[in-house]
């Protein structure tokens, strides 16, 4: 099965986590394409972590990325 077909299936999945990761992958690929960047895409888990960190910082502007990452690691994510 090709990555493109799987990604399309994930966008329509009943699983909200798979849908979220698929949307993040599409956005990341689009941003890399617009910037002209080359290289491997981040994994779905890394994209999800980055999204959680961005949401947390939006809700708590004084939060630091490093502290959030440490907390996520401490919680096993």
Protein backbone atom coordinates (compact mmCIF):
# COMPACT_ATOMS: atom_id res chain seq x y z
CA UNK A 1 0.00 0.00 0.00
CA UNK A 2 1.40 3.40 -0.93
CA UNK A 3 1.91 6.14 1.65
CA UNK A 4 -0.40 8.44 -0.30
CA UNK A 5 -3.27 5.94 -0.25
CA UNK A 6 -2.74 5.20 3.46
CA UNK A 7 -2.67 8.93 4.26
CA UNK A 8 -5.98 9.43 2.43
CA UNK A 9 -7.48 6.56 4.37
CA UNK A 10 -6.21 8.06 7.65
CA UNK A 11 -7.89 11.38 6.85
CA UNK A 12 -11.20 9.53 6.66
CA UNK A 13 -10.53 7.21 9.60
CA UNK A 14 -12.94 6.85 12.50
CA UNK A 15 -9.92 7.18 14.80
CA UNK A 16 -9.49 10.88 15.70
CA UNK A 17 -5.78 10.41 16.49
CA UNK A 18 -5.07 8.98 13.03
CA UNK A 19 -7.03 11.83 11.43
CA UNK A 20 -5.05 14.41 13.45
CA UNK A 21 -1.69 12.87 12.50
CA UNK A 22 -2.69 12.69 8.82
CA UNK A 23 -3.67 16.38 8.86
CA UNK A 24 -0.40 17.31 10.56
CA UNK A 25 1.58 15.30 7.96
CA UNK A 26 -0.18 17.06 5.10
CA UNK A 27 0.45 20.47 6.65
CA UNK A 28 4.10 19.64 7.30
CA UNK A 29 4.64 18.40 3.74
CA UNK A 30 2.97 21.53 2.36
CA UNK A 31 5.13 23.81 4.54
CA UNK A 32 8.31 22.00 3.46
CA UNK A 33 7.27 22.24 -0.18
CA UNK A 34 6.52 25.98 0.11
CA UNK A 35 9.84 26.61 1.84
CA UNK A 36 11.70 24.53 -0.73
CA UNK A 37 13.12 22.38 2.04
CA UNK A 38 14.22 18.85 1.40
CA UNK A 39 14.73 15.93 3.70
CA UNK A 40 12.72 13.41 5.62
CA UNK A 41 9.40 14.37 7.15
CA UNK A 42 8.98 14.14 10.90
CA UNK A 43 7.27 11.06 12.25
CA UNK A 44 3.60 11.23 13.21
CA UNK A 45 4.49 11.17 16.91
CA UNK A 46 6.93 14.07 16.53
CA UNK A 47 4.31 16.08 14.65
CA UNK A 48 1.76 15.32 17.34
CA UNK A 49 4.22 16.39 20.08
CA UNK A 50 4.93 19.65 18.25
CA UNK A 51 1.20 20.32 17.91
CA UNK A 52 0.59 19.66 21.61
CA UNK A 53 3.47 21.97 22.53
CA UNK A 54 2.15 24.73 20.25
CA UNK A 55 -1.34 24.40 21.75
CA UNK A 56 0.05 24.47 25.29
CA UNK A 57 2.16 27.56 24.60
CA UNK A 58 -0.88 29.28 23.05
CA UNK A 59 -2.86 28.64 26.25
CA UNK A 60 0.08 29.37 28.58
CA UNK A 61 2.31 32.03 26.96
CA UNK A 62 4.96 31.85 29.68
CA UNK A 63 5.44 28.10 29.20
CA UNK A 64 8.78 27.04 27.75
CA UNK A 65 9.10 24.37 25.08
CA UNK A 66 11.81 22.55 27.03
CA UNK A 67 9.67 22.37 30.18
CA UNK A 68 6.69 21.05 28.23
CA UNK A 69 8.85 18.41 26.53
CA UNK A 70 10.31 17.35 29.88
CA UNK A 71 6.80 17.02 31.31
CA UNK A 72 5.71 14.96 28.33
CA UNK A 73 8.71 12.66 28.71
CA UNK A 74 8.03 12.33 32.46
CA UNK A 75 4.45 11.27 31.61
CA UNK A 76 5.71 8.70 29.09
CA UNK A 77 4.81 10.49 25.89
